[in-house]
Amino acid sequence: TILAAAELKAAGEVGKILVTGCLSQRYQADILEELPEIDGIMGTGCFGDIVTALEQVVNGQECRHFADINGPVEELPRVLSTPRQYAYLRIAEGCSNRCAYCVIPSLRGNYRSRRMEDILEEARALAEDGVRECIVIAQDITRYGVDLYGERRLPELLRELDAEFPLHRVDAVGVSEKPRPVEGSYMPCFLTGLAVAQGLALARGVPLVRTTHQQGHIAAALLSAAGASLFARRVLVFHISGGTTELLLCSGTSVVCRVGGSTDLYAGQAVDRIGVKLGFAFPAGAELSSLASECSEEIKPKVSVKGADCSFSGLENQCAALLERGAAPAYVAKYCLSAVGQTVLQMICAAQEQYPGVPVVCAGGVMSSDIIRAWVQKRLPQV
């Protein structure tokens, strides 16, 4: 949040604050008046000015960038913010429906379609960079073309895109047949997916590639961290979720051996149980992280780690005791997530002593917490 960034700035951990996006577009006057800590502000119609804005902020110059939100859609050089195998492809901006409950027109302007040739050119460039799936987005996808060509042109656009990304082509069918690549790993829900995948592979005459849920997490983490380069070497993968907490030595997506893990509760189970105690619905990870962000107190968690193994049952008891003593819910939430972060940190350090020089990648839903991720990366930036 802006207030959290302002606190970091006051503490000397952040130098400058540049506010952008929908909030600044709608409440620019209020933000400038009520938040003197910010150094610059941008609306939604001038993202192309970001470099200039950054230079102004760094040099202490006035930085106020707001443009016509009904102007042509900006055609900017593409920077991928997704894993490299897929990308979002914007075909239009804004909305002209003017629904009573929606503020999009006042934030993004009237509906403006991009030229079809510009969209196709971007799709080709993405394909050349290794993207294998394009996800078409807009505030009102089916209206595409009405403002520019006088008629709806989405079907034609999809046919043209199909030439760049064949929508009908299936080279193989991959399926997670069980939770983990170990003997005895079993959950009934995986049988449904396996049956569908087997039928599809037979119908299309293509290979069926069997994998596991955990290996899917590992592959996604390796690809997001460094593209395809990590698949050719040994990597320490820490899979942390509601269903497992394991530190694994991997070669690609193949597990060489288990280095460590939890001896009782999984990290995600501990997080969810504490979230439920605080009144959130299960699963509670996202809500717990949001609540924890409201706490500015420094946390010094006590954790149970021995080598590369850990225990989370004590964390649940600690948080229950904090609540009984009247600790603020935000403090308890932050304590919980900080303890998970410290546990992960100590286990990684222990594993690195066993396997010096081997890169470390974290995977799983628990690591989506900003607090846990920041706790680890602040102390181990290379993870």
Protein backbone atom coordinates (compact mmCIF):
# COMPACT_ATOMS: atom_id res chain seq x y z
CA THR A 1 0.00 0.00 0.00
CA ILE A 2 1.02 3.65 -0.34
CA LEU A 3 1.01 4.11 3.44
CA ALA A 4 3.27 1.09 3.91
CA ALA A 5 5.67 2.50 1.32
CA ALA A 6 5.60 5.85 3.12
CA GLU A 7 6.59 4.10 6.36
CA LEU A 8 9.50 2.44 4.59
CA LYS A 9 10.54 5.80 3.20
CA ALA A 10 10.44 7.36 6.67
CA ALA A 11 12.60 4.50 7.94
CA GLY A 12 15.14 5.08 5.17
CA GLU A 13 14.45 1.77 3.41
CA VAL A 14 12.83 3.43 0.37
CA GLY A 15 14.19 6.52 -1.33
CA LYS A 16 11.33 7.75 -3.53
CA ILE A 17 7.65 6.91 -4.08
CA LEU A 18 5.98 7.05 -7.51
CA VAL A 19 2.24 6.24 -7.47
CA THR A 20 0.62 4.92 -10.66
CA GLY A 21 -2.54 3.16 -11.79
CA CYS A 22 -6.29 3.36 -11.33
CA LEU A 23 -6.21 4.77 -7.80
CA SER A 24 -4.05 7.70 -8.82
CA GLN A 25 -6.18 8.31 -11.92
CA ARG A 26 -9.39 8.58 -9.93
CA TYR A 27 -8.12 10.28 -6.78
CA GLN A 28 -5.19 12.33 -8.03
CA ALA A 29 -6.16 15.49 -6.16
CA ASP A 30 -6.85 13.64 -2.91
CA ILE A 31 -3.58 11.71 -3.10
CA LEU A 32 -1.52 14.84 -3.69
CA GLU A 33 -3.23 16.63 -0.82
CA GLU A 34 -3.34 13.85 1.76
CA LEU A 35 -0.09 12.03 1.03
CA PRO A 36 2.77 14.54 0.92
CA GLU A 37 5.21 11.63 1.24
CA ILE A 38 4.85 10.70 -2.43
CA ASP A 39 7.33 12.12 -4.94
CA GLY A 40 5.44 11.55 -8.18
CA ILE A 41 2.10 10.48 -9.58
CA MET A 42 0.89 9.05 -12.90
CA GLY A 43 -2.52 8.26 -14.36
CA THR A 44 -3.59 5.41 -16.61
CA GLY A 45 -3.17 7.23 -19.91
CA CYS A 46 0.58 7.79 -19.93
CA PHE A 47 2.43 4.62 -19.03
CA GLY A 48 4.82 5.42 -21.85
CA ASP A 49 6.14 8.28 -19.71
CA ILE A 50 7.39 5.93 -17.00
CA VAL A 51 11.10 6.43 -17.74
CA THR A 52 10.73 10.22 -17.75
CA ALA A 53 8.71 10.03 -14.54
CA LEU A 54 11.37 7.93 -12.82
CA GLU A 55 14.09 10.34 -13.86
CA GLN A 56 12.07 13.27 -12.49
CA VAL A 57 11.45 11.51 -9.19
CA VAL A 58 15.09 10.51 -8.76
CA ASN A 59 16.27 14.05 -9.56
CA GLY A 60 13.79 15.66 -7.17
CA GLN A 61 11.78 17.32 -9.94
CA GLU A 62 8.03 17.74 -10.02
CA CYS A 63 6.44 14.61 -11.46
CA ARG A 64 2.78 14.80 -12.51
CA HIS A 65 1.75 12.76 -15.55
CA PHE A 66 -1.90 12.61 -16.65
CA ALA A 67 -3.01 12.26 -20.27
CA ASP A 68 -6.27 11.87 -22.19
CA ILE A 69 -7.68 8.50 -21.21
CA ASN A 70 -9.79 8.53 -24.38
CA GLY A 71 -6.76 8.85 -26.64
CA PRO A 72 -5.33 6.11 -28.87
CA VAL A 73 -4.18 2.94 -27.11
CA GLU A 74 -0.46 3.26 -26.39
CA GLU A 75 1.69 0.92 -28.46
CA LEU A 76 4.71 0.32 -26.23
CA PRO A 77 7.59 -2.17 -26.46
CA ARG A 78 6.43 -5.35 -24.74
CA VAL A 79 7.88 -6.41 -21.39
CA LEU A 80 6.66 -9.79 -20.14
CA SER A 81 5.49 -9.92 -16.53
CA THR A 82 4.30 -13.53 -16.78
CA PRO A 83 6.23 -16.81 -16.98
CA ARG A 84 7.78 -17.07 -20.42
CA GLN A 85 5.45 -19.73 -21.80
CA TYR A 86 2.34 -17.51 -21.91
CA ALA A 87 1.41 -13.86 -22.25
CA TYR A 88 -1.62 -11.58 -22.11
CA LEU A 89 -2.53 -9.91 -25.39
CA ARG A 90 -4.56 -6.72 -25.04
CA ILE A 91 -6.90 -6.13 -27.98
CA ALA A 92 -8.73 -3.04 -26.67
CA GLU A 93 -8.79 -0.58 -23.81
CA GLY A 94 -11.60 1.13 -21.92
CA CYS A 95 -15.34 0.56 -21.91
CA SER A 96 -18.34 2.46 -23.24
CA ASN A 97 -21.12 0.57 -21.46
CA ARG A 98 -21.42 3.10 -18.58
CA CYS A 99 -22.89 0.62 -16.10
CA ALA A 100 -24.07 2.33 -12.91
CA TYR A 101 -21.97 0.06 -10.67
CA CYS A 102 -18.69 0.32 -12.63
CA VAL A 103 -15.96 3.00 -12.69
CA ILE A 104 -13.91 1.59 -15.57
CA PRO A 105 -14.93 4.30 -18.10
CA SER A 106 -13.74 7.02 -15.72
CA LEU A 107 -10.44 5.23 -15.16
CA ARG A 108 -9.69 3.76 -18.58
CA GLY A 109 -11.76 5.89 -20.94
CA ASN A 110 -14.15 4.93 -23.72
CA TYR A 111 -13.75 1.65 -25.61
CA ARG A 112 -10.87 1.80 -28.11
CA SER A 113 -9.93 -1.20 -30.23
CA ARG A 114 -6.33 -1.73 -31.27
CA ARG A 115 -5.66 -2.13 -34.96
CA MET A 116 -5.71 -5.78 -35.96
CA GLU A 117 -2.33 -5.54 -37.69
CA ASP A 118 -0.75 -4.15 -34.51
CA ILE A 119 -2.19 -7.00 -32.45
CA LEU A 120 -0.93 -9.60 -34.93
CA GLU A 121 2.50 -7.99 -35.03
CA GLU A 122 2.73 -8.21 -31.24
CA ALA A 123 1.57 -11.84 -31.31
CA ARG A 124 4.30 -12.73 -33.81
CA ALA A 125 6.93 -11.03 -31.67
CA LEU A 126 5.73 -12.94 -28.62
CA ALA A 127 5.87 -16.22 -30.53
CA GLU A 128 9.43 -15.47 -31.63
CA ASP A 129 10.36 -14.90 -27.97
CA GLY A 130 9.13 -18.37 -27.01
CA VAL A 131 5.56 -17.63 -25.89
CA ARG A 132 3.31 -20.62 -26.56
CA GLU A 133 -0.05 -19.31 -25.35
CA CYS A 134 -1.67 -15.90 -25.74
CA ILE A 135 -4.58 -14.92 -23.51
CA VAL A 136 -6.73 -12.27 -25.21
CA ILE A 137 -7.89 -9.56 -22.81
CA ALA A 138 -9.98 -6.39 -22.87
CA GLN A 139 -12.65 -4.83 -20.66
CA ASP A 140 -15.29 -5.84 -23.24
CA ILE A 141 -13.80 -8.47 -25.54
CA THR A 142 -16.83 -9.15 -27.75
CA ARG A 143 -17.15 -5.47 -28.73
CA TYR A 144 -13.77 -5.61 -30.49
CA GLY A 145 -13.76 -3.73 -33.77
CA VAL A 146 -17.07 -1.85 -33.46
CA ASP A 147 -15.42 1.53 -32.87
CA LEU A 148 -12.61 1.00 -35.38
CA TYR A 149 -14.20 -0.98 -38.20
CA GLY A 150 -17.91 -0.34 -37.66
CA GLU A 151 -18.62 -4.00 -36.88
CA ARG A 152 -17.63 -6.73 -34.46
CA ARG A 153 -14.38 -8.29 -35.66
CA LEU A 154 -13.46 -10.67 -32.82
CA PRO A 155 -14.09 -13.87 -34.86
CA GLU A 156 -11.83 -12.61 -37.65
CA LEU A 157 -9.15 -11.59 -35.14
CA LEU A 158 -9.22 -15.04 -33.53
CA ARG A 159 -8.90 -16.71 -36.93
CA GLU A 160 -5.85 -14.58 -37.69
CA LEU A 161 -4.35 -15.30 -34.26
CA ASP A 162 -4.95 -19.01 -34.81
CA ALA A 163 -2.41 -18.82 -37.63
CA GLU A 164 0.18 -17.55 -35.12
CA PHE A 165 -0.93 -19.73 -32.17
CA PRO A 166 -2.82 -22.75 -33.59
CA LEU A 167 -5.79 -23.14 -31.24
CA HIS A 168 -6.65 -26.61 -32.55
CA ARG A 169 -3.15 -28.10 -32.41
CA VAL A 170 -2.45 -30.63 -29.65
CA ASP A 171 0.99 -32.29 -29.68
CA ALA A 172 0.63 -34.15 -26.39
CA VAL A 173 -1.60 -34.38 -23.32
CA GLY A 174 -0.03 -33.87 -19.92
CA VAL A 175 -1.72 -34.92 -16.69
CA SER A 176 -0.96 -34.96 -12.98
CA GLU A 177 -1.83 -38.51 -11.96
CA LYS A 178 -0.99 -38.20 -8.24
CA PRO A 179 0.18 -35.63 -5.68
CA ARG A 180 3.89 -36.52 -5.47
CA PRO A 181 6.34 -38.75 -7.37
CA VAL A 182 6.66 -41.33 -4.58
CA GLU A 183 5.25 -44.80 -4.01
CA GLY A 184 1.87 -44.70 -2.32
CA SER A 185 1.07 -41.07 -3.13
CA TYR A 186 -2.65 -41.05 -3.83
CA MET A 187 -5.72 -38.80 -3.91
CA PRO A 188 -8.97 -39.89 -5.60
CA CYS A 189 -9.52 -36.52 -7.29
CA PHE A 190 -6.53 -37.15 -9.58
CA LEU A 191 -8.25 -40.18 -11.13
CA THR A 192 -10.84 -37.97 -12.83
CA GLY A 193 -8.19 -35.89 -14.57
CA LEU A 194 -6.27 -39.01 -15.55
CA ALA A 195 -9.36 -40.57 -17.15
CA VAL A 196 -10.11 -37.42 -19.16
CA ALA A 197 -6.49 -37.09 -20.26
CA GLN A 198 -6.32 -40.73 -21.39
CA GLY A 199 -9.48 -40.34 -23.45
CA LEU A 200 -8.29 -37.10 -25.07
CA ALA A 201 -4.88 -38.54 -25.91
CA LEU A 202 -6.46 -41.60 -27.52
CA ALA A 203 -8.97 -39.51 -29.45
CA ARG A 204 -6.29 -37.18 -30.83
CA GLY A 205 -3.68 -39.90 -31.33
CA VAL A 206 -1.04 -38.05 -29.33
CA PRO A 207 1.24 -39.11 -26.45
CA LEU A 208 0.04 -39.04 -22.84
CA VAL A 209 2.64 -37.49 -20.53
CA ARG A 210 2.15 -38.54 -16.91
CA THR A 211 3.49 -36.32 -14.17
CA THR A 212 2.57 -35.32 -10.62
CA HIS A 213 1.13 -32.26 -8.95
CA GLN A 214 4.42 -31.59 -7.17
CA GLN A 215 6.46 -31.87 -10.37
CA GLY A 216 4.11 -29.34 -11.98
CA HIS A 217 4.91 -26.90 -9.19
CA ILE A 218 8.63 -27.60 -9.62
CA ALA A 219 8.53 -27.05 -13.38
CA ALA A 220 6.58 -23.79 -13.04
CA ALA A 221 9.00 -22.51 -10.38
CA LEU A 222 12.11 -23.38 -12.40
CA LEU A 223 10.71 -21.81 -15.56
CA SER A 224 9.61 -18.64 -13.75
CA ALA A 225 12.95 -18.28 -11.99
CA ALA A 226 15.30 -18.62 -14.94
CA GLY A 227 13.58 -19.89 -18.05
CA ALA A 228 14.80 -23.25 -19.32
CA SER A 229 18.34 -22.95 -17.95
CA LEU A 230 17.65 -24.55 -14.56
CA PHE A 231 16.17 -27.71 -16.09
CA ALA A 232 19.66 -28.85 -17.09
CA ARG A 233 21.22 -28.71 -13.62
CA ARG A 234 20.67 -29.74 -10.04
CA VAL A 235 18.52 -27.37 -8.01
CA LEU A 236 17.29 -27.27 -4.42
CA VAL A 237 13.51 -26.84 -4.67
CA PHE A 238 11.54 -25.92 -1.56
CA HIS A 239 7.91 -26.93 -2.18
CA ILE A 240 5.79 -25.16 0.44
CA SER A 241 2.02 -25.46 0.30
CA GLY A 242 -1.03 -26.65 2.17
CA GLY A 243 -0.31 -30.22 1.07
CA THR A 244 3.44 -30.46 1.57
CA THR A 245 6.50 -28.77 3.01
CA GLU A 246 9.52 -30.48 1.47
CA LEU A 247 13.02 -29.37 0.59
CA LEU A 248 14.10 -31.46 -2.40
CA LEU A 249 17.25 -31.91 -4.45
CA CYS A 250 16.04 -32.03 -8.04
CA SER A 251 17.46 -32.63 -11.47
CA GLY A 252 15.01 -30.81 -13.68
CA THR A 253 11.60 -31.95 -12.45
CA SER A 254 12.94 -35.30 -11.23
CA VAL A 255 13.41 -35.57 -7.48
CA VAL A 256 16.88 -36.88 -6.62
CA CYS A 257 16.32 -37.00 -2.87
CA ARG A 258 14.46 -35.39 0.00
CA VAL A 259 16.77 -33.03 1.89
CA GLY A 260 14.36 -31.97 4.62
CA GLY A 261 10.82 -30.98 5.48
CA SER A 262 8.19 -30.71 8.16
CA THR A 263 7.84 -33.47 10.74
CA ASP A 264 4.22 -32.59 11.56
CA LEU A 265 2.05 -29.81 10.13
CA TYR A 266 2.68 -28.46 6.66
CA ALA A 267 3.33 -24.72 6.42
CA GLY A 268 0.08 -24.12 4.57
CA GLN A 269 -1.88 -26.06 7.19
CA ALA A 270 -0.42 -23.91 9.97
CA VAL A 271 -1.22 -20.72 8.08
CA ASP A 272 -4.79 -21.82 7.38
CA ARG A 273 -5.44 -22.94 10.96
CA ILE A 274 -4.24 -19.63 12.36
CA GLY A 275 -6.24 -17.75 9.73
CA VAL A 276 -9.39 -19.62 10.76
CA LYS A 277 -8.68 -18.76 14.42
CA LEU A 278 -8.65 -15.12 13.33
CA GLY A 279 -12.07 -15.49 11.72
CA PHE A 280 -11.18 -16.04 8.07
CA ALA A 281 -12.67 -18.70 5.84
CA PHE A 282 -10.56 -21.66 4.72
CA PRO A 283 -8.15 -21.37 2.91
CA ALA A 284 -6.99 -18.26 4.72
CA GLY A 285 -3.54 -17.48 3.30
CA ALA A 286 -4.45 -14.42 1.23
CA GLU A 287 -6.54 -12.85 3.99
CA LEU A 288 -3.84 -13.53 6.59
CA SER A 289 -1.21 -11.83 4.41
CA SER A 290 -3.48 -8.83 3.89
CA LEU A 291 -4.10 -8.51 7.63
CA ALA A 292 -0.40 -8.93 8.43
CA SER A 293 0.50 -6.04 6.13
CA GLU A 294 -1.34 -3.71 8.54
CA CYS A 295 1.19 -4.43 11.31
CA SER A 296 4.34 -2.26 11.38
CA GLU A 297 5.89 -3.83 14.50
CA GLU A 298 9.17 -5.71 14.20
CA ILE A 299 8.72 -9.45 14.64
CA LYS A 300 11.25 -11.81 16.22
CA PRO A 301 9.67 -15.24 15.81
CA LYS A 302 10.68 -18.38 17.64
CA VAL A 303 10.91 -21.35 15.30
CA SER A 304 11.56 -25.06 15.58
CA VAL A 305 14.22 -26.08 13.07
CA LYS A 306 16.76 -28.88 13.29
CA GLY A 307 19.03 -29.06 10.28
CA ALA A 308 16.79 -29.10 7.24
CA ASP A 309 13.76 -30.37 9.17
CA CYS A 310 11.14 -28.32 11.00
CA SER A 311 8.00 -28.47 13.10
CA PHE A 312 5.00 -26.14 12.76
CA SER A 313 2.78 -27.47 15.56
CA GLY A 314 4.47 -25.10 18.01
CA LEU A 315 3.66 -22.12 15.79
CA GLU A 316 -0.05 -22.81 16.09
CA ASN A 317 0.30 -22.90 19.89
CA GLN A 318 2.35 -19.69 19.95
CA CYS A 319 -0.26 -17.79 17.94
CA ALA A 320 -3.08 -19.12 20.12
CA ALA A 321 -1.18 -17.91 23.20
CA LEU A 322 -0.65 -14.47 21.65
CA LEU A 323 -4.38 -14.14 21.01
CA GLU A 324 -5.17 -15.19 24.57
CA ARG A 325 -2.81 -12.47 25.86
CA GLY A 326 -4.68 -9.87 23.81
CA ALA A 327 -2.26 -9.39 20.93
CA ALA A 328 -3.70 -7.52 17.94
CA PRO A 329 -4.91 -9.83 15.14
CA ALA A 330 -2.61 -8.06 12.65
CA TYR A 331 0.37 -8.74 14.92
CA VAL A 332 -0.57 -12.43 15.23
CA ALA A 333 -0.95 -12.71 11.44
CA LYS A 334 2.44 -11.11 10.86
CA TYR A 335 4.03 -13.28 13.56
CA CYS A 336 2.68 -16.41 11.87
CA LEU A 337 3.97 -15.51 8.41
CA SER A 338 7.29 -14.22 9.73
CA ALA A 339 7.80 -17.49 11.59
CA VAL A 340 7.16 -19.42 8.39
CA GLY A 341 9.65 -17.16 6.61
CA GLN A 342 12.30 -17.67 9.30
CA THR A 343 11.74 -21.43 9.22
CA VAL A 344 12.18 -21.49 5.45
CA LEU A 345 15.30 -19.34 5.78
CA GLN A 346 17.00 -21.60 8.32
CA MET A 347 16.14 -24.77 6.41
CA ILE A 348 17.55 -23.32 3.19
CA CYS A 349 20.77 -22.33 4.97
CA ALA A 350 21.11 -25.88 6.32
CA ALA A 351 20.55 -27.35 2.85
CA GLN A 352 23.11 -24.99 1.32
CA GLU A 353 25.72 -26.29 3.76
CA GLN A 354 25.06 -29.79 2.39
CA TYR A 355 24.93 -28.65 -1.24
CA PRO A 356 27.09 -25.52 -1.62
CA GLY A 357 26.69 -23.63 -4.86
CA VAL A 358 23.43 -25.33 -5.81
CA PRO A 359 20.75 -22.73 -6.68
CA VAL A 360 17.59 -22.58 -4.56
CA VAL A 361 14.06 -22.09 -5.91
CA CYS A 362 10.90 -21.89 -3.79
CA ALA A 363 7.58 -23.19 -5.11
CA GLY A 364 4.01 -23.54 -3.86
CA GLY A 365 1.15 -21.36 -2.76
CA VAL A 366 2.58 -20.43 0.64
CA MET A 367 5.45 -18.58 -1.04
CA SER A 368 2.95 -16.24 -2.71
CA SER A 369 2.78 -14.37 0.61
CA ASP A 370 4.61 -11.05 0.23
CA ILE A 371 5.69 -11.20 3.87
CA ILE A 372 7.19 -14.68 3.67
CA ARG A 373 8.86 -14.00 0.35
CA ALA A 374 10.29 -10.66 1.52
CA TRP A 375 11.53 -12.21 4.78
CA VAL A 376 13.53 -14.82 2.87
CA GLN A 377 14.78 -12.67 -0.01
CA LYS A 378 15.88 -9.82 2.23
CA ARG A 379 18.28 -12.23 3.95
CA LEU A 380 19.01 -14.48 0.96
CA PRO A 381 18.60 -12.29 -2.16
CA GLN A 382 19.84 -15.07 -4.43
CA VAL A 383 16.84 -17.32 -3.64
